[in-house]
Amino acid sequence: MSESELYKELGMLTKDKDKWEENIPYVSTLLTHESVKIQAKALWLLAEMGLEYPMKVQDAVPAIASFCGSTESLLRERAINALGRIGRGNYRLIEQYWTDLFRYASDDESKVRLSFIWASENIATNTPDIYKEHMSVFERLLYDEDDKVRMEAPEIFRVLGKRRPEFVTPFLEQLQRISETDDNRVVRIHCLGAIKATIA
């Protein structure tokens, strides 16, 4: 099967959730495919499968995590996102990799930093307490040079503000200031959303 045919097949499988569970072993084998495009697609699909069936992707987690160190930023991005989705389904499965994720908060590639925030939001949805001592990492991302990162950074404060408002309370003044001064409208709106979630 050619790369384009395989990519198309994975695209069809993505839409057919009824076939996810039985295809997890097959998709996992594609992590060793020679094509970065196929590896990236497999990582993305395993992320979604892992949210639905975390225990079924358990055996693939070490291979997924190994891509976090890839020189290909797309593979780092997808692997971090996958650990986040799987970790939302079952934190224990990715616990040994969790601390290491924080180094991607300062990755050279903005899309990787963005994936780090997404992964953190996913994990914090069901396992918020582990973020108590790490809020300063997200505080720095509120001032990221990349607009998309700054747009997403307040969302982790919103997720945690709903679940553990005491984690976010020390940052309310900053969030308020950014909501009034940032050049980006979405950043301002998301900061207000984080404030509302925290004080609700």
N, C-alpha and C. Protein backbone atom coordinates (compact mmCIF):
# COMPACT_ATOMS: atom_id res chain seq x y z
N MET A 1 0.84 -1.20 0.00
CA MET A 1 0.00 0.00 0.00
C MET A 1 0.88 1.25 0.00
N SER A 2 0.57 2.19 -0.86
CA SER A 2 1.37 3.42 -0.93
C SER A 2 1.09 4.31 0.29
N GLU A 3 1.97 5.28 0.49
CA GLU A 3 1.79 6.20 1.62
C GLU A 3 0.44 6.91 1.54
N SER A 4 0.08 7.38 0.35
CA SER A 4 -1.18 8.13 0.20
C SER A 4 -2.39 7.23 0.44
N GLU A 5 -2.31 5.96 0.00
CA GLU A 5 -3.42 5.01 0.23
C GLU A 5 -3.56 4.70 1.72
N LEU A 6 -2.42 4.51 2.37
CA LEU A 6 -2.43 4.21 3.80
C LEU A 6 -2.97 5.40 4.60
N TYR A 7 -2.54 6.60 4.21
CA TYR A 7 -3.01 7.81 4.89
C TYR A 7 -4.53 7.95 4.74
N LYS A 8 -5.01 7.63 3.54
CA LYS A 8 -6.45 7.68 3.28
C LYS A 8 -7.19 6.64 4.12
N GLU A 9 -6.61 5.44 4.22
CA GLU A 9 -7.21 4.38 5.04
C GLU A 9 -7.32 4.82 6.50
N LEU A 10 -6.26 5.45 7.00
CA LEU A 10 -6.28 5.93 8.39
C LEU A 10 -7.30 7.04 8.59
N GLY A 11 -7.45 7.86 7.56
CA GLY A 11 -8.47 8.91 7.61
C GLY A 11 -9.87 8.33 7.73
N MET A 12 -10.12 7.25 7.00
CA MET A 12 -11.43 6.59 7.07
C MET A 12 -11.63 5.93 8.42
N LEU A 13 -10.57 5.33 8.94
CA LEU A 13 -10.65 4.70 10.26
C LEU A 13 -10.92 5.73 11.35
N THR A 14 -10.34 6.92 11.20
CA THR A 14 -10.56 8.00 12.17
C THR A 14 -12.05 8.29 12.33
N LYS A 15 -12.78 8.23 11.23
CA LYS A 15 -14.21 8.55 11.25
C LYS A 15 -15.07 7.38 11.73
N ASP A 16 -14.51 6.16 11.69
CA ASP A 16 -15.28 4.96 12.01
C ASP A 16 -14.95 4.48 13.42
N LYS A 17 -15.53 5.14 14.41
CA LYS A 17 -15.19 4.86 15.81
C LYS A 17 -15.51 3.43 16.23
N ASP A 18 -16.48 2.81 15.57
CA ASP A 18 -16.85 1.44 15.92
C ASP A 18 -15.71 0.46 15.68
N LYS A 19 -14.77 0.85 14.83
CA LYS A 19 -13.65 -0.05 14.50
C LYS A 19 -12.38 0.29 15.26
N TRP A 20 -12.44 1.31 16.11
CA TRP A 20 -11.23 1.74 16.82
C TRP A 20 -10.64 0.65 17.70
N GLU A 21 -11.45 0.09 18.56
CA GLU A 21 -10.93 -0.84 19.57
C GLU A 21 -10.17 -2.00 18.92
N GLU A 22 -10.75 -2.59 17.88
CA GLU A 22 -10.12 -3.76 17.25
C GLU A 22 -8.87 -3.39 16.44
N ASN A 23 -8.77 -2.11 16.06
CA ASN A 23 -7.64 -1.68 15.22
C ASN A 23 -6.47 -1.05 15.97
N ILE A 24 -6.56 -0.97 17.29
CA ILE A 24 -5.48 -0.37 18.08
C ILE A 24 -4.14 -1.08 17.84
N PRO A 25 -4.09 -2.43 17.85
CA PRO A 25 -2.79 -3.10 17.60
C PRO A 25 -2.24 -2.77 16.20
N TYR A 26 -3.12 -2.72 15.21
CA TYR A 26 -2.68 -2.41 13.84
C TYR A 26 -2.11 -0.99 13.75
N VAL A 27 -2.84 -0.03 14.30
CA VAL A 27 -2.37 1.36 14.24
C VAL A 27 -1.05 1.51 15.00
N SER A 28 -0.92 0.77 16.09
CA SER A 28 0.33 0.82 16.87
C SER A 28 1.53 0.37 16.05
N THR A 29 1.33 -0.60 15.15
CA THR A 29 2.45 -1.08 14.32
C THR A 29 2.93 0.01 13.36
N LEU A 30 2.06 0.96 13.05
CA LEU A 30 2.42 2.01 12.10
C LEU A 30 3.36 3.06 12.69
N LEU A 31 3.58 2.98 14.00
CA LEU A 31 4.55 3.89 14.63
C LEU A 31 5.96 3.63 14.12
N THR A 32 6.19 2.44 13.57
CA THR A 32 7.52 2.12 13.03
C THR A 32 7.58 2.33 11.51
N HIS A 33 6.54 2.88 10.93
CA HIS A 33 6.51 3.13 9.48
C HIS A 33 7.61 4.13 9.12
N GLU A 34 8.13 4.02 7.90
CA GLU A 34 9.25 4.90 7.49
C GLU A 34 8.80 6.33 7.23
N SER A 35 7.50 6.52 6.99
CA SER A 35 6.99 7.85 6.66
C SER A 35 6.61 8.65 7.91
N VAL A 36 7.16 9.85 8.02
CA VAL A 36 6.82 10.75 9.13
C VAL A 36 5.32 11.08 9.10
N LYS A 37 4.79 11.25 7.90
CA LYS A 37 3.38 11.57 7.75
C LYS A 37 2.49 10.46 8.34
N ILE A 38 2.85 9.20 8.07
CA ILE A 38 2.09 8.06 8.59
C ILE A 38 2.28 7.93 10.11
N GLN A 39 3.51 8.11 10.56
CA GLN A 39 3.76 8.06 12.01
C GLN A 39 2.93 9.11 12.73
N ALA A 40 2.90 10.32 12.18
CA ALA A 40 2.15 11.42 12.80
C ALA A 40 0.66 11.11 12.83
N LYS A 41 0.15 10.54 11.74
CA LYS A 41 -1.27 10.19 11.68
C LYS A 41 -1.59 9.09 12.69
N ALA A 42 -0.68 8.10 12.79
CA ALA A 42 -0.88 7.02 13.76
C ALA A 42 -0.88 7.55 15.19
N LEU A 43 0.02 8.48 15.49
CA LEU A 43 0.07 9.09 16.82
C LEU A 43 -1.23 9.83 17.12
N TRP A 44 -1.72 10.55 16.13
CA TRP A 44 -2.97 11.31 16.33
C TRP A 44 -4.14 10.36 16.59
N LEU A 45 -4.20 9.29 15.81
CA LEU A 45 -5.30 8.34 15.95
C LEU A 45 -5.21 7.58 17.28
N LEU A 46 -4.00 7.20 17.67
CA LEU A 46 -3.82 6.52 18.97
C LEU A 46 -4.19 7.44 20.13
N ALA A 47 -3.99 8.74 19.95
CA ALA A 47 -4.40 9.70 20.98
C ALA A 47 -5.91 9.63 21.20
N GLU A 48 -6.65 9.63 20.09
CA GLU A 48 -8.12 9.59 20.19
C GLU A 48 -8.60 8.22 20.68
N MET A 49 -7.97 7.16 20.17
CA MET A 49 -8.31 5.81 20.62
C MET A 49 -7.99 5.66 22.12
N GLY A 50 -6.90 6.28 22.54
CA GLY A 50 -6.47 6.18 23.94
C GLY A 50 -7.39 6.88 24.91
N LEU A 51 -8.05 7.92 24.45
CA LEU A 51 -9.03 8.59 25.30
C LEU A 51 -10.24 7.67 25.51
N GLU A 52 -10.65 7.00 24.43
CA GLU A 52 -11.81 6.10 24.48
C GLU A 52 -11.48 4.77 25.17
N TYR A 53 -10.30 4.22 24.86
CA TYR A 53 -9.92 2.89 25.35
C TYR A 53 -8.51 2.93 25.94
N PRO A 54 -8.32 3.67 27.04
CA PRO A 54 -6.95 3.84 27.53
C PRO A 54 -6.20 2.54 27.81
N MET A 55 -6.88 1.58 28.41
CA MET A 55 -6.19 0.33 28.75
C MET A 55 -5.77 -0.45 27.52
N LYS A 56 -6.47 -0.25 26.42
CA LYS A 56 -6.17 -0.98 25.19
C LYS A 56 -4.91 -0.44 24.50
N VAL A 57 -4.57 0.82 24.78
CA VAL A 57 -3.36 1.39 24.16
C VAL A 57 -2.14 1.31 25.08
N GLN A 58 -2.34 0.73 26.24
CA GLN A 58 -1.30 0.68 27.27
C GLN A 58 0.05 0.20 26.71
N ASP A 59 0.03 -0.85 25.91
CA ASP A 59 1.28 -1.42 25.40
C ASP A 59 2.02 -0.48 24.45
N ALA A 60 1.28 0.44 23.83
CA ALA A 60 1.88 1.36 22.87
C ALA A 60 2.44 2.62 23.51
N VAL A 61 2.13 2.84 24.79
CA VAL A 61 2.51 4.10 25.43
C VAL A 61 4.02 4.36 25.42
N PRO A 62 4.88 3.36 25.73
CA PRO A 62 6.33 3.64 25.66
C PRO A 62 6.79 4.07 24.27
N ALA A 63 6.24 3.44 23.24
CA ALA A 63 6.61 3.82 21.86
C ALA A 63 6.12 5.23 21.55
N ILE A 64 4.91 5.55 21.99
CA ILE A 64 4.36 6.90 21.79
C ILE A 64 5.27 7.92 22.48
N ALA A 65 5.60 7.65 23.73
CA ALA A 65 6.43 8.58 24.52
C ALA A 65 7.80 8.79 23.89
N SER A 66 8.33 7.76 23.22
CA SER A 66 9.66 7.88 22.62
C SER A 66 9.70 8.98 21.55
N PHE A 67 8.56 9.26 20.93
CA PHE A 67 8.51 10.30 19.90
C PHE A 67 8.61 11.72 20.48
N CYS A 68 8.45 11.85 21.78
CA CYS A 68 8.59 13.18 22.40
C CYS A 68 10.00 13.73 22.18
N GLY A 69 10.95 12.84 22.02
CA GLY A 69 12.33 13.28 21.80
C GLY A 69 12.72 13.38 20.33
N SER A 70 11.76 13.28 19.43
CA SER A 70 12.05 13.30 18.00
C SER A 70 12.59 14.65 17.55
N THR A 71 13.46 14.62 16.54
CA THR A 71 13.94 15.88 15.95
C THR A 71 12.87 16.48 15.04
N GLU A 72 11.87 15.69 14.66
CA GLU A 72 10.73 16.18 13.86
C GLU A 72 9.72 16.82 14.80
N SER A 73 9.53 18.12 14.66
CA SER A 73 8.62 18.80 15.59
C SER A 73 7.19 18.28 15.50
N LEU A 74 6.77 17.86 14.30
CA LEU A 74 5.40 17.33 14.14
C LEU A 74 5.21 16.07 15.00
N LEU A 75 6.24 15.24 15.07
CA LEU A 75 6.13 14.01 15.87
C LEU A 75 6.17 14.32 17.36
N ARG A 76 6.98 15.30 17.77
CA ARG A 76 6.97 15.73 19.18
C ARG A 76 5.57 16.22 19.56
N GLU A 77 5.06 17.06 18.69
CA GLU A 77 3.73 17.66 18.89
C GLU A 77 2.66 16.58 19.08
N ARG A 78 2.64 15.61 18.16
CA ARG A 78 1.62 14.57 18.19
C ARG A 78 1.79 13.62 19.38
N ALA A 79 3.04 13.32 19.72
CA ALA A 79 3.29 12.41 20.85
C ALA A 79 2.86 13.05 22.17
N ILE A 80 3.17 14.33 22.36
CA ILE A 80 2.77 15.04 23.58
C ILE A 80 1.25 15.08 23.68
N ASN A 81 0.61 15.40 22.57
CA ASN A 81 -0.85 15.43 22.53
C ASN A 81 -1.42 14.04 22.89
N ALA A 82 -0.82 12.98 22.34
CA ALA A 82 -1.29 11.62 22.60
C ALA A 82 -1.18 11.27 24.08
N LEU A 83 -0.06 11.62 24.70
CA LEU A 83 0.09 11.35 26.13
C LEU A 83 -0.96 12.10 26.93
N GLY A 84 -1.31 13.29 26.48
CA GLY A 84 -2.36 14.06 27.14
C GLY A 84 -3.73 13.40 27.04
N ARG A 85 -4.07 12.94 25.85
CA ARG A 85 -5.38 12.30 25.65
C ARG A 85 -5.46 10.98 26.42
N ILE A 86 -4.39 10.18 26.34
CA ILE A 86 -4.38 8.91 27.07
C ILE A 86 -4.40 9.18 28.57
N GLY A 87 -3.65 10.20 28.98
CA GLY A 87 -3.61 10.57 30.40
C GLY A 87 -4.93 11.08 30.92
N ARG A 88 -5.71 11.67 30.06
CA ARG A 88 -7.06 12.08 30.46
C ARG A 88 -7.92 10.83 30.72
N GLY A 89 -7.72 9.82 29.87
CA GLY A 89 -8.46 8.57 30.04
C GLY A 89 -8.00 7.79 31.27
N ASN A 90 -6.68 7.76 31.49
CA ASN A 90 -6.13 7.04 32.64
C ASN A 90 -4.73 7.58 32.93
N TYR A 91 -4.64 8.46 33.91
CA TYR A 91 -3.37 9.13 34.21
C TYR A 91 -2.25 8.14 34.53
N ARG A 92 -2.59 7.03 35.19
CA ARG A 92 -1.57 6.07 35.61
C ARG A 92 -0.74 5.57 34.43
N LEU A 93 -1.35 5.48 33.26
CA LEU A 93 -0.67 4.95 32.08
C LEU A 93 0.47 5.85 31.59
N ILE A 94 0.36 7.14 31.88
CA ILE A 94 1.39 8.08 31.38
C ILE A 94 2.16 8.74 32.53
N GLU A 95 1.88 8.31 33.74
CA GLU A 95 2.45 8.98 34.93
C GLU A 95 3.97 9.08 34.87
N GLN A 96 4.64 8.03 34.43
CA GLN A 96 6.11 8.06 34.44
C GLN A 96 6.69 9.07 33.44
N TYR A 97 5.87 9.52 32.49
CA TYR A 97 6.34 10.49 31.48
C TYR A 97 5.89 11.92 31.78
N TRP A 98 5.05 12.06 32.80
CA TRP A 98 4.39 13.35 33.03
C TRP A 98 5.37 14.48 33.34
N THR A 99 6.28 14.24 34.26
CA THR A 99 7.24 15.29 34.65
C THR A 99 8.05 15.77 33.45
N ASP A 100 8.42 14.84 32.60
CA ASP A 100 9.25 15.17 31.43
C ASP A 100 8.51 16.08 30.44
N LEU A 101 7.18 16.04 30.45
CA LEU A 101 6.42 16.87 29.52
C LEU A 101 6.71 18.37 29.70
N PHE A 102 7.07 18.76 30.93
CA PHE A 102 7.23 20.18 31.22
C PHE A 102 8.38 20.83 30.44
N ARG A 103 9.32 20.02 29.98
CA ARG A 103 10.41 20.65 29.21
C ARG A 103 9.92 21.18 27.87
N TYR A 104 8.77 20.70 27.41
CA TYR A 104 8.24 21.14 26.12
C TYR A 104 7.50 22.47 26.23
N ALA A 105 7.36 22.97 27.45
CA ALA A 105 6.79 24.30 27.64
C ALA A 105 7.71 25.37 27.06
N SER A 106 8.98 25.02 26.89
CA SER A 106 9.95 25.97 26.33
C SER A 106 10.58 25.44 25.04
N ASP A 107 9.87 24.54 24.36
CA ASP A 107 10.36 24.01 23.08
C ASP A 107 10.52 25.15 22.07
N ASP A 108 11.48 25.01 21.18
CA ASP A 108 11.71 26.05 20.16
C ASP A 108 10.52 26.22 19.22
N GLU A 109 9.76 25.14 19.01
CA GLU A 109 8.62 25.18 18.09
C GLU A 109 7.34 25.56 18.84
N SER A 110 6.68 26.60 18.36
CA SER A 110 5.46 27.06 19.04
C SER A 110 4.36 25.99 19.06
N LYS A 111 4.27 25.19 17.99
CA LYS A 111 3.22 24.16 17.95
C LYS A 111 3.45 23.08 19.01
N VAL A 112 4.70 22.85 19.36
CA VAL A 112 5.01 21.89 20.43
C VAL A 112 4.61 22.48 21.78
N ARG A 113 4.90 23.77 21.98
CA ARG A 113 4.47 24.43 23.23
C ARG A 113 2.95 24.39 23.34
N LEU A 114 2.29 24.59 22.22
CA LEU A 114 0.82 24.55 22.17
C LEU A 114 0.32 23.15 22.56
N SER A 115 0.97 22.11 22.01
CA SER A 115 0.59 20.74 22.34
C SER A 115 0.80 20.44 23.82
N PHE A 116 1.84 21.02 24.39
CA PHE A 116 2.08 20.84 25.82
C PHE A 116 0.90 21.39 26.64
N ILE A 117 0.40 22.55 26.24
CA ILE A 117 -0.75 23.13 26.95
C ILE A 117 -1.98 22.24 26.78
N TRP A 118 -2.24 21.81 25.54
CA TRP A 118 -3.38 20.93 25.29
C TRP A 118 -3.29 19.66 26.13
N ALA A 119 -2.12 19.05 26.13
CA ALA A 119 -1.93 17.82 26.90
C ALA A 119 -2.20 18.07 28.38
N SER A 120 -1.70 19.19 28.88
CA SER A 120 -1.90 19.53 30.29
C SER A 120 -3.38 19.74 30.61
N GLU A 121 -4.09 20.40 29.71
CA GLU A 121 -5.54 20.59 29.90
C GLU A 121 -6.26 19.25 29.98
N ASN A 122 -5.88 18.35 29.08
CA ASN A 122 -6.51 17.03 29.07
C ASN A 122 -6.26 16.28 30.36
N ILE A 123 -5.01 16.25 30.80
CA ILE A 123 -4.67 15.52 32.02
C ILE A 123 -5.32 16.17 33.24
N ALA A 124 -5.29 17.50 33.28
CA ALA A 124 -5.85 18.23 34.43
C ALA A 124 -7.36 18.08 34.55
N THR A 125 -8.02 17.72 33.47
CA THR A 125 -9.48 17.54 33.51
C THR A 125 -9.87 16.51 34.56
N ASN A 126 -9.12 15.41 34.64
CA ASN A 126 -9.45 14.35 35.59
C ASN A 126 -8.43 14.17 36.71
N THR A 127 -7.26 14.82 36.56
CA THR A 127 -6.20 14.68 37.58
C THR A 127 -5.61 16.06 37.85
N PRO A 128 -6.39 16.96 38.45
CA PRO A 128 -5.92 18.35 38.60
C PRO A 128 -4.84 18.56 39.66
N ASP A 129 -4.86 17.75 40.72
CA ASP A 129 -4.02 18.05 41.89
C ASP A 129 -2.52 18.08 41.57
N ILE A 130 -2.10 17.32 40.58
CA ILE A 130 -0.67 17.22 40.27
C ILE A 130 -0.10 18.54 39.73
N TYR A 131 -0.97 19.48 39.38
CA TYR A 131 -0.50 20.75 38.79
C TYR A 131 -0.24 21.85 39.82
N LYS A 132 -0.50 21.56 41.07
CA LYS A 132 -0.41 22.59 42.12
C LYS A 132 0.92 23.34 42.14
N GLU A 133 2.01 22.60 42.02
CA GLU A 133 3.34 23.21 42.14
C GLU A 133 3.92 23.65 40.79
N HIS A 134 3.11 23.62 39.75
CA HIS A 134 3.63 23.88 38.40
C HIS A 134 2.97 25.07 37.71
N MET A 135 2.22 25.85 38.46
CA MET A 135 1.46 26.93 37.83
C MET A 135 2.33 28.00 37.19
N SER A 136 3.54 28.19 37.73
CA SER A 136 4.43 29.23 37.18
C SER A 136 4.83 28.92 35.73
N VAL A 137 4.85 27.64 35.37
CA VAL A 137 5.16 27.24 33.99
C VAL A 137 4.10 27.81 33.05
N PHE A 138 2.85 27.69 33.46
CA PHE A 138 1.74 28.18 32.63
C PHE A 138 1.65 29.70 32.66
N GLU A 139 2.06 30.28 33.78
CA GLU A 139 2.11 31.75 33.88
C GLU A 139 3.03 32.33 32.80
N ARG A 140 4.20 31.71 32.62
CA ARG A 140 5.13 32.19 31.60
C ARG A 140 4.53 32.10 30.19
N LEU A 141 3.75 31.05 29.96
CA LEU A 141 3.15 30.85 28.64
C LEU A 141 2.08 31.89 28.32
N LEU A 142 1.57 32.56 29.34
CA LEU A 142 0.61 33.65 29.11
C LEU A 142 1.26 34.80 28.33
N TYR A 143 2.60 34.86 28.38
CA TYR A 143 3.35 35.94 27.73
C TYR A 143 4.16 35.42 26.54
N ASP A 144 3.80 34.26 26.02
CA ASP A 144 4.54 33.66 24.91
C ASP A 144 4.56 34.59 23.70
N GLU A 145 5.61 34.48 22.90
CA GLU A 145 5.73 35.33 21.71
C GLU A 145 4.75 34.94 20.61
N ASP A 146 4.26 33.70 20.67
CA ASP A 146 3.36 33.20 19.63
C ASP A 146 1.90 33.42 20.01
N ASP A 147 1.14 34.01 19.11
CA ASP A 147 -0.26 34.31 19.38
C ASP A 147 -1.08 33.08 19.76
N LYS A 148 -0.89 31.99 19.01
CA LYS A 148 -1.70 30.79 19.26
C LYS A 148 -1.41 30.19 20.63
N VAL A 149 -0.15 30.25 21.05
CA VAL A 149 0.20 29.77 22.39
C VAL A 149 -0.45 30.66 23.44
N ARG A 150 -0.38 31.97 23.24
CA ARG A 150 -1.02 32.89 24.20
C ARG A 150 -2.53 32.74 24.22
N MET A 151 -3.11 32.39 23.09
CA MET A 151 -4.56 32.16 23.04
C MET A 151 -4.96 30.93 23.86
N GLU A 152 -4.10 29.93 23.86
CA GLU A 152 -4.42 28.67 24.56
C GLU A 152 -4.03 28.68 26.03
N ALA A 153 -2.98 29.42 26.37
CA ALA A 153 -2.46 29.38 27.75
C ALA A 153 -3.52 29.67 28.82
N PRO A 154 -4.43 30.64 28.63
CA PRO A 154 -5.43 30.87 29.67
C PRO A 154 -6.39 29.70 29.88
N GLU A 155 -6.47 28.82 28.88
CA GLU A 155 -7.42 27.70 28.97
C GLU A 155 -7.04 26.69 30.05
N ILE A 156 -5.74 26.52 30.31
CA ILE A 156 -5.36 25.62 31.41
C ILE A 156 -5.76 26.25 32.75
N PHE A 157 -5.73 27.58 32.82
CA PHE A 157 -6.20 28.27 34.03
C PHE A 157 -7.72 28.11 34.19
N ARG A 158 -8.42 28.08 33.06
CA ARG A 158 -9.87 27.87 33.10
C ARG A 158 -10.19 26.45 33.59
N VAL A 159 -9.50 25.47 33.00
CA VAL A 159 -9.72 24.07 33.38
C VAL A 159 -9.44 23.87 34.87
N LEU A 160 -8.31 24.39 35.33
CA LEU A 160 -7.96 24.23 36.75
C LEU A 160 -8.80 25.14 37.64
N GLY A 161 -9.19 26.29 37.12
CA GLY A 161 -10.02 27.21 37.91
C GLY A 161 -11.36 26.60 38.29
N LYS A 162 -11.90 25.78 37.41
CA LYS A 162 -13.17 25.08 37.69
C LYS A 162 -12.98 24.02 38.76
N ARG A 163 -11.81 23.36 38.75
CA ARG A 163 -11.60 22.19 39.59
C ARG A 163 -10.84 22.51 40.88
N ARG A 164 -9.85 23.37 40.77
CA ARG A 164 -9.03 23.76 41.93
C ARG A 164 -8.81 25.27 41.88
N PRO A 165 -9.85 26.05 42.18
CA PRO A 165 -9.72 27.52 42.06
C PRO A 165 -8.56 28.10 42.86
N GLU A 166 -8.20 27.43 43.96
CA GLU A 166 -7.10 27.95 44.78
C GLU A 166 -5.76 27.94 44.04
N PHE A 167 -5.64 27.09 43.00
CA PHE A 167 -4.40 27.08 42.19
C PHE A 167 -4.31 28.33 41.32
N VAL A 168 -5.46 28.85 40.93
CA VAL A 168 -5.52 29.95 39.95
C VAL A 168 -5.66 31.31 40.62
N THR A 169 -6.21 31.33 41.81
CA THR A 169 -6.45 32.60 42.51
C THR A 169 -5.24 33.54 42.53
N PRO A 170 -4.02 33.03 42.78
CA PRO A 170 -2.85 33.93 42.81
C PRO A 170 -2.58 34.63 41.46
N PHE A 171 -3.19 34.14 40.39
CA PHE A 171 -2.91 34.69 39.06
C PHE A 171 -4.07 35.53 38.51
N LEU A 172 -5.08 35.74 39.32
CA LEU A 172 -6.27 36.45 38.83
C LEU A 172 -5.96 37.88 38.39
N GLU A 173 -5.10 38.57 39.14
CA GLU A 173 -4.77 39.96 38.77
C GLU A 173 -4.06 40.00 37.42
N GLN A 174 -3.14 39.06 37.22
CA GLN A 174 -2.43 38.99 35.93
C GLN A 174 -3.40 38.71 34.79
N LEU A 175 -4.28 37.73 35.02
CA LEU A 175 -5.27 37.37 33.98
C LEU A 175 -6.16 38.57 33.66
N GLN A 176 -6.52 39.33 34.70
CA GLN A 176 -7.35 40.51 34.49
C GLN A 176 -6.60 41.56 33.67
N ARG A 177 -5.34 41.75 34.00
CA ARG A 177 -4.53 42.74 33.28
C ARG A 177 -4.39 42.35 31.80
N ILE A 178 -4.10 41.06 31.56
CA ILE A 178 -3.95 40.59 30.18
C ILE A 178 -5.28 40.73 29.43
N SER A 179 -6.39 40.46 30.14
CA SER A 179 -7.71 40.55 29.50
C SER A 179 -8.04 41.98 29.07
N GLU A 180 -7.33 42.94 29.63
CA GLU A 180 -7.57 44.35 29.30
C GLU A 180 -6.53 44.92 28.34
N THR A 181 -5.37 44.26 28.26
CA THR A 181 -4.27 44.88 27.51
C THR A 181 -3.72 44.10 26.32
N ASP A 182 -3.97 42.79 26.25
CA ASP A 182 -3.36 42.01 25.16
C ASP A 182 -3.91 42.45 23.81
N ASP A 183 -3.04 42.45 22.82
CA ASP A 183 -3.44 42.87 21.46
C ASP A 183 -4.41 41.89 20.81
N ASN A 184 -4.37 40.64 21.28
CA ASN A 184 -5.17 39.59 20.64
C ASN A 184 -6.52 39.43 21.34
N ARG A 185 -7.57 39.57 20.57
CA ARG A 185 -8.93 39.52 21.13
C ARG A 185 -9.24 38.17 21.79
N VAL A 186 -8.79 37.09 21.16
CA VAL A 186 -9.06 35.75 21.70
C VAL A 186 -8.33 35.56 23.04
N VAL A 187 -7.11 36.06 23.13
CA VAL A 187 -6.37 36.00 24.40
C VAL A 187 -7.17 36.70 25.49
N ARG A 188 -7.68 37.88 25.17
CA ARG A 188 -8.45 38.66 26.16
C ARG A 188 -9.70 37.88 26.60
N ILE A 189 -10.41 37.30 25.63
CA ILE A 189 -11.63 36.54 25.93
C ILE A 189 -11.31 35.31 26.78
N HIS A 190 -10.26 34.60 26.43
CA HIS A 190 -9.90 33.40 27.18
C HIS A 190 -9.45 33.71 28.59
N CYS A 191 -8.79 34.84 28.78
CA CYS A 191 -8.41 35.25 30.14
C CYS A 191 -9.64 35.53 30.98
N LEU A 192 -10.61 36.20 30.41
CA LEU A 192 -11.87 36.46 31.12
C LEU A 192 -12.58 35.15 31.47
N GLY A 193 -12.53 34.20 30.53
CA GLY A 193 -13.14 32.88 30.78
C GLY A 193 -12.48 32.17 31.94
N ALA A 194 -11.17 32.29 32.04
CA ALA A 194 -10.44 31.66 33.14
C ALA A 194 -10.82 32.31 34.47
N ILE A 195 -10.95 33.63 34.46
CA ILE A 195 -11.34 34.36 35.68
C ILE A 195 -12.74 33.93 36.12
N LYS A 196 -13.68 33.89 35.18
CA LYS A 196 -15.07 33.51 35.51
C LYS A 196 -15.13 32.09 36.07
N ALA A 197 -14.38 31.17 35.45
CA ALA A 197 -14.40 29.78 35.92
C ALA A 197 -13.86 29.67 37.35
N THR A 198 -12.90 30.52 37.67
CA THR A 198 -12.24 30.45 38.98
C THR A 198 -13.10 31.04 40.10
N ILE A 199 -13.78 32.13 39.78
CA ILE A 199 -14.55 32.81 40.84
C ILE A 199 -16.02 32.42 40.87
N ALA A 200 -16.43 31.55 39.95
CA ALA A 200 -17.85 31.15 39.86
C ALA A 200 -18.29 30.44 41.14
